[in-house]
Amino acid sequence: MPELAQLYQRYKDSASFAMVYVDEAHAQDEWPIGNHLNDLPNVARQPRTTEARLEVMHQQVLPFLRVNAPGLLPSFSSFSGLGDKEFDDLAGMSSLAWLLDPPELHLFEDVYAPWPLRFWIVQNGILKYIASPKNGQFSVEELEGRLRDALA
């Protein structure tokens, strides 16, 4: 995650970035991805409603980003009403767009197959690049090279 935050910082003035939160990769009622690799605890169950997904984001995803990639934290005005105010000091920290795929519909998930993680470069409405994992990982260097080429 720190590498993505650095990529965002380098190119945020030249390109628009968005993060889309789709199915939770660490849910206990499904196969958890990479839980042994980080400090993010499993959630009890896969969120089945938008409200539940926002709660998981507030309770687990945002604390993880705060420690591991604070440059990717969203503006928190959209997360108001979710309980405690522990993130108020970071409000508006990033202009990075965060979108949420409603679990009731799975529109983004069904069309783009992003789970658990995927990167795209879209230029003038045309999909220019879809990153595919190699050996279970993504190359941020390859992504940056493709982004640099698209911006040239």
N, C-alpha and C. Protein backbone atom coordinates (compact mmCIF):
# COMPACT_ATOMS: atom_id res chain seq x y z
N MET A 1 0.79 -1.21 0.00
CA MET A 1 0.00 0.00 0.00
C MET A 1 0.84 1.28 0.00
N PRO A 2 1.96 1.32 0.69
CA PRO A 2 2.76 2.56 0.64
C PRO A 2 3.18 2.92 -0.78
N GLU A 3 3.46 1.91 -1.62
CA GLU A 3 3.86 2.18 -3.00
C GLU A 3 2.74 2.83 -3.79
N LEU A 4 1.49 2.39 -3.54
CA LEU A 4 0.35 3.02 -4.22
C LEU A 4 0.16 4.46 -3.76
N ALA A 5 0.36 4.69 -2.47
CA ALA A 5 0.25 6.06 -1.95
C ALA A 5 1.30 6.96 -2.59
N GLN A 6 2.50 6.45 -2.78
CA GLN A 6 3.56 7.23 -3.43
C GLN A 6 3.23 7.49 -4.90
N LEU A 7 2.68 6.48 -5.58
CA LEU A 7 2.27 6.65 -6.97
C LEU A 7 1.19 7.73 -7.08
N TYR A 8 0.22 7.67 -6.19
CA TYR A 8 -0.83 8.68 -6.17
C TYR A 8 -0.25 10.08 -5.95
N GLN A 9 0.66 10.22 -5.00
CA GLN A 9 1.26 11.52 -4.73
C GLN A 9 2.03 12.06 -5.94
N ARG A 10 2.71 11.18 -6.68
CA ARG A 10 3.49 11.62 -7.85
C ARG A 10 2.61 12.06 -9.01
N TYR A 11 1.43 11.44 -9.17
CA TYR A 11 0.63 11.67 -10.37
C TYR A 11 -0.73 12.31 -10.11
N LYS A 12 -1.04 12.68 -8.89
CA LYS A 12 -2.38 13.19 -8.58
C LYS A 12 -2.71 14.49 -9.31
N ASP A 13 -1.71 15.25 -9.71
CA ASP A 13 -1.97 16.49 -10.44
C ASP A 13 -2.12 16.27 -11.94
N SER A 14 -1.76 15.07 -12.42
CA SER A 14 -1.82 14.77 -13.85
C SER A 14 -2.92 13.78 -14.22
N ALA A 15 -3.39 13.02 -13.24
CA ALA A 15 -4.39 11.98 -13.50
C ALA A 15 -5.39 11.93 -12.36
N SER A 16 -6.57 11.46 -12.67
CA SER A 16 -7.59 11.27 -11.63
C SER A 16 -7.48 9.83 -11.12
N PHE A 17 -7.59 9.67 -9.81
CA PHE A 17 -7.50 8.37 -9.18
C PHE A 17 -8.79 8.09 -8.43
N ALA A 18 -9.17 6.82 -8.41
CA ALA A 18 -10.34 6.41 -7.60
C ALA A 18 -10.06 5.02 -7.04
N MET A 19 -10.50 4.81 -5.82
CA MET A 19 -10.46 3.50 -5.19
C MET A 19 -11.91 3.04 -5.08
N VAL A 20 -12.17 1.80 -5.45
CA VAL A 20 -13.52 1.25 -5.34
C VAL A 20 -13.46 0.10 -4.34
N TYR A 21 -14.23 0.24 -3.25
CA TYR A 21 -14.26 -0.80 -2.23
C TYR A 21 -15.35 -1.80 -2.61
N VAL A 22 -14.92 -3.01 -2.95
CA VAL A 22 -15.83 -4.09 -3.32
C VAL A 22 -15.86 -5.11 -2.20
N ASP A 23 -16.14 -6.34 -2.48
CA ASP A 23 -16.24 -7.36 -1.44
C ASP A 23 -15.04 -7.36 -0.51
N GLU A 24 -15.31 -7.58 0.76
CA GLU A 24 -14.26 -7.62 1.78
C GLU A 24 -13.42 -8.89 1.61
N ALA A 25 -12.12 -8.72 1.48
CA ALA A 25 -11.21 -9.84 1.24
C ALA A 25 -10.87 -10.61 2.51
N HIS A 26 -11.28 -10.11 3.68
CA HIS A 26 -10.89 -10.73 4.94
C HIS A 26 -12.08 -11.27 5.73
N ALA A 27 -13.21 -11.50 5.07
CA ALA A 27 -14.40 -11.99 5.76
C ALA A 27 -14.23 -13.44 6.18
N GLN A 28 -14.72 -13.77 7.37
CA GLN A 28 -14.56 -15.13 7.89
C GLN A 28 -15.51 -16.12 7.23
N ASP A 29 -16.61 -15.66 6.66
CA ASP A 29 -17.55 -16.59 6.04
C ASP A 29 -17.20 -16.87 4.58
N GLU A 30 -16.06 -16.38 4.14
CA GLU A 30 -15.54 -16.67 2.82
C GLU A 30 -14.04 -16.90 2.96
N TRP A 31 -13.41 -17.29 1.88
CA TRP A 31 -11.97 -17.52 1.93
C TRP A 31 -11.26 -16.20 2.15
N PRO A 32 -10.61 -15.99 3.32
CA PRO A 32 -9.90 -14.73 3.56
C PRO A 32 -8.59 -14.68 2.78
N ILE A 33 -8.34 -13.54 2.17
CA ILE A 33 -7.15 -13.35 1.36
C ILE A 33 -6.05 -12.69 2.18
N GLY A 34 -4.88 -13.30 2.25
CA GLY A 34 -3.70 -12.67 2.81
C GLY A 34 -3.79 -12.24 4.26
N ASN A 35 -4.72 -12.77 5.03
CA ASN A 35 -4.87 -12.30 6.40
C ASN A 35 -3.61 -12.56 7.23
N HIS A 36 -2.88 -13.61 6.91
CA HIS A 36 -1.66 -13.91 7.65
C HIS A 36 -0.53 -12.94 7.30
N LEU A 37 -0.73 -12.11 6.27
CA LEU A 37 0.33 -11.21 5.83
C LEU A 37 0.27 -9.82 6.46
N ASN A 38 -0.82 -9.52 7.18
CA ASN A 38 -0.95 -8.16 7.72
C ASN A 38 -1.68 -8.21 9.06
N ASP A 39 -1.87 -7.04 9.63
CA ASP A 39 -2.49 -6.94 10.95
C ASP A 39 -4.00 -6.74 10.89
N LEU A 40 -4.61 -6.82 9.72
CA LEU A 40 -6.04 -6.59 9.59
C LEU A 40 -6.80 -7.82 10.05
N PRO A 41 -7.58 -7.73 11.13
CA PRO A 41 -8.32 -8.90 11.60
C PRO A 41 -9.48 -9.23 10.67
N ASN A 42 -9.88 -10.48 10.66
CA ASN A 42 -11.04 -10.88 9.87
C ASN A 42 -12.30 -10.21 10.40
N VAL A 43 -13.17 -9.83 9.49
CA VAL A 43 -14.48 -9.36 9.89
C VAL A 43 -15.35 -10.59 10.12
N ALA A 44 -16.39 -10.43 10.87
CA ALA A 44 -17.23 -11.58 11.21
C ALA A 44 -17.83 -12.21 9.95
N ARG A 45 -18.44 -11.40 9.11
CA ARG A 45 -19.09 -11.91 7.90
C ARG A 45 -18.93 -10.90 6.77
N GLN A 46 -19.09 -11.39 5.55
CA GLN A 46 -19.07 -10.50 4.39
C GLN A 46 -20.24 -9.52 4.50
N PRO A 47 -20.00 -8.23 4.42
CA PRO A 47 -21.09 -7.26 4.49
C PRO A 47 -22.07 -7.47 3.33
N ARG A 48 -23.36 -7.54 3.64
CA ARG A 48 -24.40 -7.77 2.63
C ARG A 48 -25.23 -6.53 2.34
N THR A 49 -24.96 -5.45 3.07
CA THR A 49 -25.67 -4.19 2.84
C THR A 49 -24.65 -3.06 2.74
N THR A 50 -25.05 -1.97 2.12
CA THR A 50 -24.17 -0.81 2.01
C THR A 50 -23.80 -0.30 3.39
N GLU A 51 -24.76 -0.25 4.29
CA GLU A 51 -24.49 0.22 5.66
C GLU A 51 -23.45 -0.67 6.35
N ALA A 52 -23.58 -1.98 6.19
CA ALA A 52 -22.61 -2.90 6.80
C ALA A 52 -21.23 -2.74 6.17
N ARG A 53 -21.18 -2.52 4.85
CA ARG A 53 -19.89 -2.33 4.18
C ARG A 53 -19.22 -1.05 4.65
N LEU A 54 -19.99 0.02 4.82
CA LEU A 54 -19.43 1.26 5.35
C LEU A 54 -18.90 1.07 6.76
N GLU A 55 -19.58 0.27 7.56
CA GLU A 55 -19.13 0.00 8.93
C GLU A 55 -17.81 -0.75 8.92
N VAL A 56 -17.66 -1.75 8.04
CA VAL A 56 -16.39 -2.48 7.93
C VAL A 56 -15.29 -1.54 7.47
N MET A 57 -15.60 -0.67 6.53
CA MET A 57 -14.60 0.28 6.07
C MET A 57 -14.15 1.18 7.22
N HIS A 58 -15.09 1.64 7.99
CA HIS A 58 -14.79 2.53 9.11
C HIS A 58 -14.00 1.81 10.20
N GLN A 59 -14.37 0.57 10.50
CA GLN A 59 -13.77 -0.16 11.61
C GLN A 59 -12.44 -0.83 11.25
N GLN A 60 -12.23 -1.19 9.97
CA GLN A 60 -11.03 -1.96 9.63
C GLN A 60 -10.19 -1.36 8.52
N VAL A 61 -10.81 -0.99 7.41
CA VAL A 61 -10.03 -0.52 6.26
C VAL A 61 -9.35 0.82 6.57
N LEU A 62 -10.10 1.77 7.11
CA LEU A 62 -9.53 3.08 7.38
C LEU A 62 -8.42 3.03 8.44
N PRO A 63 -8.59 2.30 9.55
CA PRO A 63 -7.46 2.19 10.49
C PRO A 63 -6.22 1.56 9.85
N PHE A 64 -6.42 0.55 8.99
CA PHE A 64 -5.30 -0.07 8.29
C PHE A 64 -4.58 0.96 7.41
N LEU A 65 -5.35 1.76 6.64
CA LEU A 65 -4.75 2.78 5.79
C LEU A 65 -4.06 3.85 6.61
N ARG A 66 -4.65 4.21 7.72
CA ARG A 66 -4.07 5.26 8.56
C ARG A 66 -2.65 4.90 8.98
N VAL A 67 -2.41 3.63 9.26
CA VAL A 67 -1.09 3.16 9.69
C VAL A 67 -0.19 2.88 8.50
N ASN A 68 -0.73 2.23 7.46
CA ASN A 68 0.10 1.72 6.37
C ASN A 68 0.19 2.60 5.13
N ALA A 69 -0.81 3.44 4.87
CA ALA A 69 -0.79 4.28 3.66
C ALA A 69 -1.69 5.49 3.87
N PRO A 70 -1.33 6.39 4.79
CA PRO A 70 -2.20 7.54 5.07
C PRO A 70 -2.45 8.43 3.86
N GLY A 71 -1.58 8.39 2.88
CA GLY A 71 -1.80 9.18 1.67
C GLY A 71 -2.97 8.71 0.84
N LEU A 72 -3.50 7.52 1.13
CA LEU A 72 -4.65 7.00 0.39
C LEU A 72 -5.96 7.20 1.16
N LEU A 73 -5.89 7.82 2.32
CA LEU A 73 -7.11 8.04 3.09
C LEU A 73 -8.03 9.00 2.36
N PRO A 74 -9.33 8.72 2.37
CA PRO A 74 -10.29 9.60 1.71
C PRO A 74 -10.64 10.79 2.58
N SER A 75 -11.39 11.72 1.99
CA SER A 75 -12.01 12.76 2.78
C SER A 75 -13.10 12.10 3.60
N PHE A 76 -13.18 12.40 4.87
CA PHE A 76 -14.08 11.67 5.73
C PHE A 76 -15.47 12.27 5.86
N SER A 77 -15.76 13.31 5.12
CA SER A 77 -17.10 13.89 5.20
C SER A 77 -18.16 12.88 4.78
N SER A 78 -17.81 11.97 3.87
CA SER A 78 -18.78 10.98 3.40
C SER A 78 -19.01 9.86 4.41
N PHE A 79 -18.21 9.81 5.47
CA PHE A 79 -18.36 8.74 6.45
C PHE A 79 -18.97 9.23 7.76
N SER A 80 -19.60 10.39 7.72
CA SER A 80 -20.20 10.93 8.93
C SER A 80 -21.33 10.02 9.40
N GLY A 81 -21.59 10.06 10.69
CA GLY A 81 -22.68 9.29 11.25
C GLY A 81 -22.36 7.83 11.52
N LEU A 82 -21.10 7.45 11.39
CA LEU A 82 -20.72 6.06 11.61
C LEU A 82 -20.16 5.81 13.00
N GLY A 83 -20.38 6.71 13.91
CA GLY A 83 -19.92 6.45 15.27
C GLY A 83 -18.86 7.42 15.73
N ASP A 84 -17.76 6.87 16.27
CA ASP A 84 -16.74 7.70 16.90
C ASP A 84 -16.08 8.65 15.91
N LYS A 85 -15.35 9.62 16.43
CA LYS A 85 -14.75 10.67 15.61
C LYS A 85 -13.23 10.50 15.52
N GLU A 86 -12.72 9.27 15.61
CA GLU A 86 -11.27 9.08 15.68
C GLU A 86 -10.54 9.53 14.42
N PHE A 87 -11.25 9.75 13.32
CA PHE A 87 -10.58 10.16 12.08
C PHE A 87 -10.82 11.61 11.74
N ASP A 88 -11.47 12.37 12.60
CA ASP A 88 -11.78 13.75 12.29
C ASP A 88 -10.52 14.57 11.99
N ASP A 89 -9.40 14.23 12.61
CA ASP A 89 -8.17 14.98 12.38
C ASP A 89 -7.63 14.79 10.96
N LEU A 90 -8.13 13.80 10.24
CA LEU A 90 -7.66 13.54 8.89
C LEU A 90 -8.65 13.98 7.82
N ALA A 91 -9.73 14.64 8.21
CA ALA A 91 -10.75 15.03 7.26
C ALA A 91 -10.13 15.84 6.12
N GLY A 92 -10.46 15.44 4.90
CA GLY A 92 -9.98 16.16 3.73
C GLY A 92 -8.51 15.96 3.44
N MET A 93 -7.88 14.96 4.04
CA MET A 93 -6.45 14.76 3.86
C MET A 93 -6.10 14.47 2.40
N SER A 94 -6.96 13.78 1.70
CA SER A 94 -6.67 13.36 0.34
C SER A 94 -7.83 13.74 -0.56
N SER A 95 -7.51 14.04 -1.80
CA SER A 95 -8.56 14.28 -2.79
C SER A 95 -8.86 13.00 -3.56
N LEU A 96 -8.26 11.90 -3.17
CA LEU A 96 -8.49 10.61 -3.81
C LEU A 96 -9.96 10.23 -3.67
N ALA A 97 -10.59 9.90 -4.79
CA ALA A 97 -11.99 9.50 -4.77
C ALA A 97 -12.11 8.06 -4.27
N TRP A 98 -12.97 7.85 -3.31
CA TRP A 98 -13.30 6.52 -2.81
C TRP A 98 -14.74 6.23 -3.18
N LEU A 99 -14.97 5.12 -3.85
CA LEU A 99 -16.30 4.71 -4.25
C LEU A 99 -16.62 3.38 -3.58
N LEU A 100 -17.89 3.14 -3.37
CA LEU A 100 -18.30 1.91 -2.71
C LEU A 100 -19.25 1.16 -3.62
N ASP A 101 -18.92 -0.09 -3.95
CA ASP A 101 -19.79 -0.93 -4.76
C ASP A 101 -20.86 -1.50 -3.84
N PRO A 102 -22.12 -1.10 -4.00
CA PRO A 102 -23.16 -1.59 -3.08
C PRO A 102 -23.29 -3.11 -3.13
N PRO A 103 -23.15 -3.78 -1.99
CA PRO A 103 -23.22 -5.24 -2.00
C PRO A 103 -24.58 -5.77 -2.44
N GLU A 104 -25.61 -4.94 -2.33
CA GLU A 104 -26.93 -5.39 -2.78
C GLU A 104 -26.99 -5.55 -4.29
N LEU A 105 -26.09 -4.85 -5.02
CA LEU A 105 -26.13 -4.85 -6.49
C LEU A 105 -24.89 -5.45 -7.13
N HIS A 106 -23.72 -5.23 -6.56
CA HIS A 106 -22.44 -5.71 -7.12
C HIS A 106 -22.22 -5.25 -8.56
N LEU A 107 -22.62 -4.03 -8.87
CA LEU A 107 -22.51 -3.56 -10.26
C LEU A 107 -21.07 -3.50 -10.73
N PHE A 108 -20.21 -2.84 -9.98
CA PHE A 108 -18.80 -2.73 -10.37
C PHE A 108 -18.14 -4.11 -10.37
N GLU A 109 -18.41 -4.88 -9.34
CA GLU A 109 -17.84 -6.22 -9.23
C GLU A 109 -18.23 -7.09 -10.43
N ASP A 110 -19.49 -7.07 -10.82
CA ASP A 110 -19.96 -7.92 -11.91
C ASP A 110 -19.37 -7.52 -13.26
N VAL A 111 -19.16 -6.24 -13.48
CA VAL A 111 -18.67 -5.76 -14.77
C VAL A 111 -17.15 -5.84 -14.87
N TYR A 112 -16.43 -5.47 -13.80
CA TYR A 112 -14.98 -5.32 -13.89
C TYR A 112 -14.17 -6.40 -13.20
N ALA A 113 -14.79 -7.31 -12.47
CA ALA A 113 -14.10 -8.41 -11.78
C ALA A 113 -12.86 -7.93 -11.02
N PRO A 114 -13.01 -7.00 -10.08
CA PRO A 114 -11.85 -6.43 -9.42
C PRO A 114 -11.35 -7.19 -8.20
N TRP A 115 -12.09 -8.16 -7.71
CA TRP A 115 -11.77 -8.75 -6.42
C TRP A 115 -10.57 -9.67 -6.53
N PRO A 116 -9.63 -9.68 -5.61
CA PRO A 116 -9.58 -8.81 -4.44
C PRO A 116 -8.92 -7.47 -4.73
N LEU A 117 -8.18 -7.36 -5.85
CA LEU A 117 -7.49 -6.11 -6.15
C LEU A 117 -7.21 -6.05 -7.64
N ARG A 118 -7.43 -4.89 -8.25
CA ARG A 118 -7.17 -4.74 -9.67
C ARG A 118 -6.91 -3.27 -9.97
N PHE A 119 -6.15 -2.99 -11.02
CA PHE A 119 -5.86 -1.62 -11.44
C PHE A 119 -6.22 -1.47 -12.92
N TRP A 120 -6.76 -0.30 -13.27
CA TRP A 120 -7.08 0.03 -14.64
C TRP A 120 -6.56 1.41 -14.96
N ILE A 121 -6.26 1.62 -16.23
CA ILE A 121 -6.00 2.98 -16.72
C ILE A 121 -7.04 3.22 -17.81
N VAL A 122 -7.83 4.27 -17.59
CA VAL A 122 -8.86 4.67 -18.54
C VAL A 122 -8.48 6.06 -19.04
N GLN A 123 -8.44 6.20 -20.35
CA GLN A 123 -8.07 7.49 -20.94
C GLN A 123 -9.12 7.86 -21.98
N ASN A 124 -9.72 9.04 -21.80
CA ASN A 124 -10.75 9.52 -22.71
C ASN A 124 -11.86 8.48 -22.92
N GLY A 125 -12.24 7.81 -21.83
CA GLY A 125 -13.32 6.84 -21.88
C GLY A 125 -12.93 5.49 -22.45
N ILE A 126 -11.65 5.30 -22.76
CA ILE A 126 -11.18 4.04 -23.34
C ILE A 126 -10.30 3.32 -22.32
N LEU A 127 -10.60 2.06 -22.10
CA LEU A 127 -9.82 1.24 -21.19
C LEU A 127 -8.48 0.92 -21.86
N LYS A 128 -7.41 1.52 -21.35
CA LYS A 128 -6.08 1.39 -21.95
C LYS A 128 -5.25 0.27 -21.34
N TYR A 129 -5.52 -0.06 -20.09
CA TYR A 129 -4.67 -1.04 -19.41
C TYR A 129 -5.44 -1.67 -18.26
N ILE A 130 -5.33 -2.98 -18.14
CA ILE A 130 -5.86 -3.71 -16.99
C ILE A 130 -4.71 -4.50 -16.41
N ALA A 131 -4.35 -4.18 -15.18
CA ALA A 131 -3.26 -4.90 -14.52
C ALA A 131 -3.75 -6.28 -14.09
N SER A 132 -2.96 -7.27 -14.35
CA SER A 132 -3.26 -8.63 -13.92
C SER A 132 -2.17 -9.07 -12.96
N PRO A 133 -2.55 -9.78 -11.91
CA PRO A 133 -1.53 -10.21 -10.96
C PRO A 133 -0.60 -11.25 -11.57
N LYS A 134 0.65 -11.17 -11.15
CA LYS A 134 1.65 -12.17 -11.54
C LYS A 134 2.20 -12.75 -10.25
N ASN A 135 2.11 -14.04 -10.11
CA ASN A 135 2.54 -14.72 -8.88
C ASN A 135 1.82 -14.14 -7.66
N GLY A 136 0.54 -13.79 -7.84
CA GLY A 136 -0.26 -13.29 -6.74
C GLY A 136 0.02 -11.86 -6.33
N GLN A 137 0.78 -11.12 -7.15
CA GLN A 137 1.12 -9.74 -6.81
C GLN A 137 1.00 -8.86 -8.05
N PHE A 138 0.90 -7.54 -7.79
CA PHE A 138 0.88 -6.56 -8.86
C PHE A 138 2.18 -5.78 -8.83
N SER A 139 2.63 -5.39 -10.00
CA SER A 139 3.83 -4.57 -10.11
C SER A 139 3.42 -3.11 -10.16
N VAL A 140 3.72 -2.36 -9.11
CA VAL A 140 3.45 -0.93 -9.11
C VAL A 140 4.34 -0.25 -10.14
N GLU A 141 5.53 -0.78 -10.37
CA GLU A 141 6.43 -0.22 -11.37
C GLU A 141 5.82 -0.34 -12.77
N GLU A 142 5.23 -1.49 -13.07
CA GLU A 142 4.57 -1.67 -14.37
C GLU A 142 3.38 -0.72 -14.50
N LEU A 143 2.60 -0.61 -13.44
CA LEU A 143 1.47 0.30 -13.45
C LEU A 143 1.93 1.74 -13.69
N GLU A 144 3.00 2.13 -13.00
CA GLU A 144 3.52 3.48 -13.19
C GLU A 144 4.02 3.70 -14.61
N GLY A 145 4.68 2.71 -15.18
CA GLY A 145 5.15 2.83 -16.55
C GLY A 145 3.98 3.00 -17.53
N ARG A 146 2.94 2.23 -17.33
CA ARG A 146 1.75 2.35 -18.20
C ARG A 146 1.07 3.70 -18.01
N LEU A 147 1.02 4.19 -16.77
CA LEU A 147 0.44 5.49 -16.51
C LEU A 147 1.26 6.60 -17.15
N ARG A 148 2.56 6.49 -17.02
CA ARG A 148 3.47 7.47 -17.64
C ARG A 148 3.28 7.49 -19.17
N ASP A 149 3.17 6.29 -19.78
CA ASP A 149 2.94 6.22 -21.23
C ASP A 149 1.61 6.86 -21.62
N ALA A 150 0.57 6.63 -20.82
CA ALA A 150 -0.74 7.19 -21.12
C ALA A 150 -0.74 8.71 -21.02
N LEU A 151 0.08 9.23 -20.14
CA LEU A 151 0.12 10.68 -19.92
C LEU A 151 1.05 11.40 -20.91
N ALA A 152 1.86 10.64 -21.62
CA ALA A 152 2.84 11.24 -22.55
C ALA A 152 2.16 11.85 -23.77
